[in-house]
Every structure is written in C-alpha cells, then in structure tokens.
PDB file of N, CA and C in Angstrom:
ATOM      1  N   MET A   1     -49.594 -65.064 -26.276  1.00  0.00           N
ATOM      2  CA  MET A   1     -49.945 -65.956 -25.186  1.00  0.00           C
ATOM      3  C   MET A   1     -49.158 -65.588 -23.930  1.00  0.00           C
ATOM      4  N   ILE A   2     -47.881 -65.311 -24.104  1.00  0.00           N
ATOM      5  CA  ILE A   2     -47.048 -64.959 -22.948  1.00  0.00           C
ATOM      6  C   ILE A   2     -47.516 -63.632 -22.361  1.00  0.00           C
ATOM      7  N   GLY A   3     -47.932 -62.705 -23.220  1.00  0.00           N
ATOM      8  CA  GLY A   3     -48.434 -61.416 -22.742  1.00  0.00           C
ATOM      9  C   GLY A   3     -49.668 -61.573 -21.871  1.00  0.00           C
ATOM     10  N   CYS A   4     -50.566 -62.472 -22.264  1.00  0.00           N
ATOM     11  CA  CYS A   4     -51.773 -62.714 -21.471  1.00  0.00           C
ATOM     12  C   CYS A   4     -51.432 -63.316 -20.118  1.00  0.00           C
ATOM     13  N   LEU A   5     -50.512 -64.236 -20.095  1.00  0.00           N
ATOM     14  CA  LEU A   5     -50.102 -64.833 -18.819  1.00  0.00           C
ATOM     15  C   LEU A   5     -49.429 -63.799 -17.917  1.00  0.00           C
ATOM     16  N   PHE A   6     -48.598 -62.958 -18.499  1.00  0.00           N
ATOM     17  CA  PHE A   6     -47.938 -61.911 -17.727  1.00  0.00           C
ATOM     18  C   PHE A   6     -48.962 -60.928 -17.180  1.00  0.00           C
ATOM     19  N   ALA A   7     -49.960 -60.549 -17.992  1.00  0.00           N
ATOM     20  CA  ALA A   7     -51.002 -59.629 -17.538  1.00  0.00           C
ATOM     21  C   ALA A   7     -51.817 -60.250 -16.406  1.00  0.00           C
ATOM     22  N   PHE A   8     -52.138 -61.528 -16.508  1.00  0.00           N
ATOM     23  CA  PHE A   8     -52.880 -62.208 -15.446  1.00  0.00           C
ATOM     24  C   PHE A   8     -52.071 -62.245 -14.160  1.00  0.00           C
ATOM     25  N   LEU A   9     -50.802 -62.559 -14.246  1.00  0.00           N
ATOM     26  CA  LEU A   9     -49.941 -62.609 -13.068  1.00  0.00           C
ATOM     27  C   LEU A   9     -49.804 -61.228 -12.436  1.00  0.00           C
ATOM     28  N   ALA A  10     -49.592 -60.208 -13.254  1.00  0.00           N
ATOM     29  CA  ALA A  10     -49.459 -58.848 -12.726  1.00  0.00           C
ATOM     30  C   ALA A  10     -50.757 -58.394 -12.076  1.00  0.00           C
ATOM     31  N   GLY A  11     -51.884 -58.681 -12.683  1.00  0.00           N
ATOM     32  CA  GLY A  11     -53.172 -58.322 -12.101  1.00  0.00           C
ATOM     33  C   GLY A  11     -53.415 -59.003 -10.773  1.00  0.00           C
ATOM     34  N   SER A  12     -53.061 -60.273 -10.680  1.00  0.00           N
ATOM     35  CA  SER A  12     -53.259 -60.985  -9.417  1.00  0.00           C
ATOM     36  C   SER A  12     -52.351 -60.435  -8.323  1.00  0.00           C
ATOM     37  N   VAL A  13     -51.145 -60.038  -8.677  1.00  0.00           N
ATOM     38  CA  VAL A  13     -50.246 -59.428  -7.691  1.00  0.00           C
ATOM     39  C   VAL A  13     -50.823 -58.103  -7.201  1.00  0.00           C
ATOM     40  N   VAL A  14     -51.313 -57.279  -8.129  1.00  0.00           N
ATOM     41  CA  VAL A  14     -51.891 -55.989  -7.749  1.00  0.00           C
ATOM     42  C   VAL A  14     -53.105 -56.186  -6.852  1.00  0.00           C
ATOM     43  N   LEU A  15     -53.991 -57.121  -7.193  1.00  0.00           N
ATOM     44  CA  LEU A  15     -55.177 -57.362  -6.370  1.00  0.00           C
ATOM     45  C   LEU A  15     -54.809 -57.858  -4.976  1.00  0.00           C
ATOM     46  N   ASN A  16     -53.811 -58.725  -4.877  1.00  0.00           N
ATOM     47  CA  ASN A  16     -53.382 -59.204  -3.563  1.00  0.00           C
ATOM     48  C   ASN A  16     -52.783 -58.082  -2.728  1.00  0.00           C
ATOM     49  N   VAL A  17     -52.015 -57.203  -3.356  1.00  0.00           N
ATOM     50  CA  VAL A  17     -51.443 -56.074  -2.626  1.00  0.00           C
ATOM     51  C   VAL A  17     -52.562 -55.150  -2.145  1.00  0.00           C
ATOM     52  N   PHE A  18     -53.550 -54.869  -3.003  1.00  0.00           N
ATOM     53  CA  PHE A  18     -54.677 -54.035  -2.579  1.00  0.00           C
ATOM     54  C   PHE A  18     -55.406 -54.663  -1.398  1.00  0.00           C
ATOM     55  N   LYS A  19     -55.631 -55.965  -1.473  1.00  0.00           N
ATOM     56  CA  LYS A  19     -56.381 -56.651  -0.419  1.00  0.00           C
ATOM     57  C   LYS A  19     -55.643 -56.576   0.916  1.00  0.00           C
ATOM     58  N   GLU A  20     -54.330 -56.691   0.892  1.00  0.00           N
ATOM     59  CA  GLU A  20     -53.559 -56.697   2.127  1.00  0.00           C
ATOM     60  C   GLU A  20     -53.250 -55.302   2.657  1.00  0.00           C
ATOM     61  N   GLU A  21     -53.054 -54.343   1.780  1.00  0.00           N
ATOM     62  CA  GLU A  21     -52.569 -53.029   2.196  1.00  0.00           C
ATOM     63  C   GLU A  21     -53.663 -52.005   2.440  1.00  0.00           C
ATOM     64  N   LEU A  22     -54.795 -52.105   1.751  1.00  0.00           N
ATOM     65  CA  LEU A  22     -55.864 -51.128   1.955  1.00  0.00           C
ATOM     66  C   LEU A  22     -56.574 -51.397   3.273  1.00  0.00           C
ATOM     67  N   PRO A  23     -56.981 -50.329   3.979  1.00  0.00           N
ATOM     68  CA  PRO A  23     -57.673 -50.531   5.248  1.00  0.00           C
ATOM     69  C   PRO A  23     -59.094 -51.036   5.043  1.00  0.00           C
ATOM     70  N   ASP A  24     -59.665 -51.570   6.112  1.00  0.00           N
ATOM     71  CA  ASP A  24     -61.055 -52.008   6.062  1.00  0.00           C
ATOM     72  C   ASP A  24     -61.967 -50.799   5.904  1.00  0.00           C
ATOM     73  N   GLU A  25     -63.238 -51.058   5.595  1.00  0.00           N
ATOM     74  CA  GLU A  25     -64.184 -49.964   5.374  1.00  0.00           C
ATOM     75  C   GLU A  25     -64.312 -49.089   6.620  1.00  0.00           C
ATOM     76  N   ARG A  26     -64.279 -49.675   7.782  1.00  0.00           N
ATOM     77  CA  ARG A  26     -64.453 -48.908   9.016  1.00  0.00           C
ATOM     78  C   ARG A  26     -63.257 -48.015   9.292  1.00  0.00           C
ATOM     79  N   GLU A  27     -62.085 -48.402   8.837  1.00  0.00           N
ATOM     80  CA  GLU A  27     -60.868 -47.648   9.125  1.00  0.00           C
ATOM     81  C   GLU A  27     -60.555 -46.609   8.049  1.00  0.00           C
ATOM     82  N   SER A  28     -61.289 -46.607   6.961  1.00  0.00           N
ATOM     83  CA  SER A  28     -60.987 -45.684   5.879  1.00  0.00           C
ATOM     84  C   SER A  28     -61.607 -44.318   6.150  1.00  0.00           C
ATOM     85  N   CYS A  29     -61.057 -43.301   5.468  1.00  0.00           N
ATOM     86  CA  CYS A  29     -61.530 -41.934   5.668  1.00  0.00           C
ATOM     87  C   CYS A  29     -61.809 -41.320   4.296  1.00  0.00           C
ATOM     88  N   LEU A  30     -63.082 -41.110   3.988  1.00  0.00           N
ATOM     89  CA  LEU A  30     -63.466 -40.566   2.695  1.00  0.00           C
ATOM     90  C   LEU A  30     -62.942 -39.146   2.514  1.00  0.00           C
ATOM     91  N   GLY A  31     -62.917 -38.371   3.577  1.00  0.00           N
ATOM     92  CA  GLY A  31     -62.440 -36.992   3.497  1.00  0.00           C
ATOM     93  C   GLY A  31     -60.986 -36.912   3.049  1.00  0.00           C
ATOM     94  N   ALA A  32     -60.140 -37.765   3.599  1.00  0.00           N
ATOM     95  CA  ALA A  32     -58.728 -37.775   3.208  1.00  0.00           C
ATOM     96  C   ALA A  32     -58.572 -38.203   1.757  1.00  0.00           C
ATOM     97  N   PHE A  33     -59.383 -39.158   1.314  1.00  0.00           N
ATOM     98  CA  PHE A  33     -59.338 -39.599  -0.079  1.00  0.00           C
ATOM     99  C   PHE A  33     -59.724 -38.465  -1.024  1.00  0.00           C
ATOM    100  N   LEU A  34     -60.829 -37.777  -0.700  1.00  0.00           N
ATOM    101  CA  LEU A  34     -61.277 -36.669  -1.548  1.00  0.00           C
ATOM    102  C   LEU A  34     -60.269 -35.521  -1.541  1.00  0.00           C
ATOM    103  N   GLN A  35     -59.678 -35.239  -0.390  1.00  0.00           N
ATOM    104  CA  GLN A  35     -58.673 -34.176  -0.301  1.00  0.00           C
ATOM    105  C   GLN A  35     -57.458 -34.524  -1.160  1.00  0.00           C
ATOM    106  N   GLY A  36     -57.018 -35.757  -1.130  1.00  0.00           N
ATOM    107  CA  GLY A  36     -55.908 -36.181  -1.969  1.00  0.00           C
ATOM    108  C   GLY A  36     -56.231 -36.076  -3.447  1.00  0.00           C
ATOM    109  N   GLY A  37     -57.468 -36.431  -3.820  1.00  0.00           N
ATOM    110  CA  GLY A  37     -57.876 -36.313  -5.220  1.00  0.00           C
ATOM    111  C   GLY A  37     -57.910 -34.868  -5.693  1.00  0.00           C
ATOM    112  N   VAL A  38     -58.385 -33.972  -4.837  1.00  0.00           N
ATOM    113  CA  VAL A  38     -58.433 -32.553  -5.204  1.00  0.00           C
ATOM    114  C   VAL A  38     -57.025 -31.991  -5.340  1.00  0.00           C
ATOM    115  N   VAL A  39     -56.133 -32.346  -4.415  1.00  0.00           N
ATOM    116  CA  VAL A  39     -54.751 -31.858  -4.483  1.00  0.00           C
ATOM    117  C   VAL A  39     -54.066 -32.393  -5.743  1.00  0.00           C
ATOM    118  N   GLN A  40     -54.277 -33.654  -6.052  1.00  0.00           N
ATOM    119  CA  GLN A  40     -53.674 -34.247  -7.255  1.00  0.00           C
ATOM    120  C   GLN A  40     -54.184 -33.556  -8.515  1.00  0.00           C
ATOM    121  N   ALA A  41     -55.490 -33.312  -8.588  1.00  0.00           N
ATOM    122  CA  ALA A  41     -56.060 -32.635  -9.753  1.00  0.00           C
ATOM    123  C   ALA A  41     -55.518 -31.215  -9.879  1.00  0.00           C
ATOM    124  N   ALA A  42     -55.385 -30.515  -8.754  1.00  0.00           N
ATOM    125  CA  ALA A  42     -54.860 -29.151  -8.791  1.00  0.00           C
ATOM    126  C   ALA A  42     -53.411 -29.140  -9.264  1.00  0.00           C
ATOM    127  N   LEU A  43     -52.616 -30.092  -8.805  1.00  0.00           N
ATOM    128  CA  LEU A  43     -51.213 -30.170  -9.250  1.00  0.00           C
ATOM    129  C   LEU A  43     -51.127 -30.456 -10.743  1.00  0.00           C
ATOM    130  N   LEU A  44     -51.954 -31.375 -11.229  1.00  0.00           N
ATOM    131  CA  LEU A  44     -51.918 -31.693 -12.657  1.00  0.00           C
ATOM    132  C   LEU A  44     -52.333 -30.503 -13.508  1.00  0.00           C
ATOM    133  N   LEU A  45     -53.345 -29.771 -13.054  1.00  0.00           N
ATOM    134  CA  LEU A  45     -53.777 -28.594 -13.806  1.00  0.00           C
ATOM    135  C   LEU A  45     -52.740 -27.479 -13.741  1.00  0.00           C
ATOM    136  N   ALA A  46     -52.058 -27.342 -12.615  1.00  0.00           N
ATOM    137  CA  ALA A  46     -51.075 -26.276 -12.464  1.00  0.00           C
ATOM    138  C   ALA A  46     -49.799 -26.562 -13.257  1.00  0.00           C
ATOM    139  N   LEU A  47     -49.471 -27.820 -13.434  1.00  0.00           N
ATOM    140  CA  LEU A  47     -48.213 -28.172 -14.089  1.00  0.00           C
ATOM    141  C   LEU A  47     -48.357 -28.478 -15.573  1.00  0.00           C
ATOM    142  N   ARG A  48     -49.589 -28.405 -16.113  1.00  0.00           N
ATOM    143  CA  ARG A  48     -49.755 -28.680 -17.542  1.00  0.00           C
ATOM    144  C   ARG A  48     -49.220 -27.500 -18.348  1.00  0.00           C
ATOM    145  N   PRO A  49     -48.876 -27.738 -19.595  1.00  0.00           N
ATOM    146  CA  PRO A  49     -48.402 -26.624 -20.429  1.00  0.00           C
ATOM    147  C   PRO A  49     -49.486 -25.556 -20.551  1.00  0.00           C
ATOM    148  N   VAL A  50     -49.078 -24.309 -20.377  1.00  0.00           N
ATOM    149  CA  VAL A  50     -50.035 -23.209 -20.390  1.00  0.00           C
ATOM    150  C   VAL A  50     -50.466 -22.889 -21.811  1.00  0.00           C
ATOM    151  N   ALA A  51     -49.516 -22.739 -22.712  1.00  0.00           N
ATOM    152  CA  ALA A  51     -49.837 -22.365 -24.088  1.00  0.00           C
ATOM    153  C   ALA A  51     -49.485 -23.529 -25.007  1.00  0.00           C
ATOM    154  N   ARG A  52     -50.464 -23.944 -25.771  1.00  0.00           N
ATOM    155  CA  ARG A  52     -50.224 -24.996 -26.758  1.00  0.00           C
ATOM    156  C   ARG A  52     -50.310 -24.363 -28.137  1.00  0.00           C
ATOM    157  N   PRO A  53     -49.373 -24.659 -29.007  1.00  0.00           N
ATOM    158  CA  PRO A  53     -49.430 -24.047 -30.338  1.00  0.00           C
ATOM    159  C   PRO A  53     -50.614 -24.577 -31.129  1.00  0.00           C
ATOM    160  N   ASP A  54     -51.183 -23.715 -31.922  1.00  0.00           N
ATOM    161  CA  ASP A  54     -52.256 -24.122 -32.808  1.00  0.00           C
ATOM    162  C   ASP A  54     -51.629 -24.843 -33.994  1.00  0.00           C
ATOM    163  N   LEU A  55     -51.897 -26.119 -34.110  1.00  0.00           N
ATOM    164  CA  LEU A  55     -51.237 -26.926 -35.138  1.00  0.00           C
ATOM    165  C   LEU A  55     -51.666 -26.533 -36.542  1.00  0.00           C
ATOM    166  N   ASN A  56     -52.805 -25.867 -36.670  1.00  0.00           N
ATOM    167  CA  ASN A  56     -53.241 -25.434 -37.995  1.00  0.00           C
ATOM    168  C   ASN A  56     -52.415 -24.251 -38.502  1.00  0.00           C
ATOM    169  N   GLN A  57     -51.789 -23.505 -37.609  1.00  0.00           N
ATOM    170  CA  GLN A  57     -51.015 -22.341 -38.010  1.00  0.00           C
ATOM    171  C   GLN A  57     -49.547 -22.681 -38.292  1.00  0.00           C
ATOM    172  N   ILE A  58     -49.126 -23.871 -37.923  1.00  0.00           N
ATOM    173  CA  ILE A  58     -47.745 -24.269 -38.168  1.00  0.00           C
ATOM    174  C   ILE A  58     -47.647 -24.780 -39.602  1.00  0.00           C
ATOM    175  N   ARG A  59     -46.814 -24.138 -40.382  1.00  0.00           N
ATOM    176  CA  ARG A  59     -46.654 -24.520 -41.785  1.00  0.00           C
ATOM    177  C   ARG A  59     -45.349 -25.299 -41.945  1.00  0.00           C
ATOM    178  N   PRO A  60     -45.391 -26.373 -42.697  1.00  0.00           N
ATOM    179  CA  PRO A  60     -44.157 -27.125 -42.919  1.00  0.00           C
ATOM    180  C   PRO A  60     -43.180 -26.321 -43.774  1.00  0.00           C
ATOM    181  N   ARG A  61     -41.912 -26.516 -43.488  1.00  0.00           N
ATOM    182  CA  ARG A  61     -40.886 -25.838 -44.283  1.00  0.00           C
ATOM    183  C   ARG A  61     -40.803 -26.485 -45.653  1.00  0.00           C
ATOM    184  N   PRO A  62     -40.536 -25.705 -46.678  1.00  0.00           N
ATOM    185  CA  PRO A  62     -40.412 -26.301 -48.008  1.00  0.00           C
ATOM    186  C   PRO A  62     -39.185 -27.215 -48.078  1.00  0.00           C
ATOM    187  N   VAL A  63     -39.354 -28.313 -48.769  1.00  0.00           N
ATOM    188  CA  VAL A  63     -38.275 -29.284 -48.930  1.00  0.00           C
ATOM    189  C   VAL A  63     -37.513 -28.933 -50.200  1.00  0.00           C
ATOM    190  N   ALA A  64     -36.201 -28.985 -50.099  1.00  0.00           N
ATOM    191  CA  ALA A  64     -35.379 -28.667 -51.272  1.00  0.00           C
ATOM    192  C   ALA A  64     -35.618 -29.707 -52.363  1.00  0.00           C
ATOM    193  N   ASN A  65     -35.645 -29.239 -53.597  1.00  0.00           N
ATOM    194  CA  ASN A  65     -35.838 -30.118 -54.724  1.00  0.00           C
ATOM    195  C   ASN A  65     -34.535 -30.859 -54.988  1.00  0.00           C
ATOM    196  N   LEU A  66     -34.559 -32.160 -54.799  1.00  0.00           N
ATOM    197  CA  LEU A  66     -33.343 -32.950 -54.942  1.00  0.00           C
ATOM    198  C   LEU A  66     -33.183 -33.545 -56.344  1.00  0.00           C
ATOM    199  N   GLU A  67     -34.148 -33.312 -57.197  1.00  0.00           N
ATOM    200  CA  GLU A  67     -34.070 -33.847 -58.554  1.00  0.00           C
ATOM    201  C   GLU A  67     -33.089 -33.006 -59.367  1.00  0.00           C
ATOM    202  N   HIS A  68     -32.266 -33.682 -60.172  1.00  0.00           N
ATOM    203  CA  HIS A  68     -31.324 -32.995 -61.053  1.00  0.00           C
ATOM    204  C   HIS A  68     -31.909 -32.922 -62.448  1.00  0.00           C
ATOM    205  N   HIS A  69     -32.041 -31.705 -62.968  1.00  0.00           N
ATOM    206  CA  HIS A  69     -32.598 -31.518 -64.308  1.00  0.00           C
ATOM    207  C   HIS A  69     -31.502 -31.307 -65.301  1.00  0.00           C
TER     208      HIS A  69
END
C-alpha cells in the first residue's frame, strides 16, 4: 500500500515538473530533439561491450568431492 502511494506521489511530481519545464508546442524544436536522440543512440552503441562471451562455451569448473569415503 505504501509503495502505491509513493509511486502516485512520484508520478505526480514528475508530471508537474514536465508541465512546468517543457516548452510549449510553438517553442519546441523537433530537429534538436531528433539530433539528441541520434547522438544518445550513437553513444550507447559505441560504449556497449564489443565482445560478449558465448555462454554455451563456458564450462563450469569441476567441484571437489567433499564426501569422505
């Protein structure tokens, strides 16, 4: 119950900030938005790990037998 109330409060704060801080439709610039999205996507692609290990080729190490015979 507390989580739902916290989520509602956080959502209302975010919506109020968007309403006050974002420019009106006439003052916005679609080109700048698209340019920012392209730059962000390029940065994410450039900074991702280049080589990922194939998990099927990784074999677990054998565990020592701890049983005493």
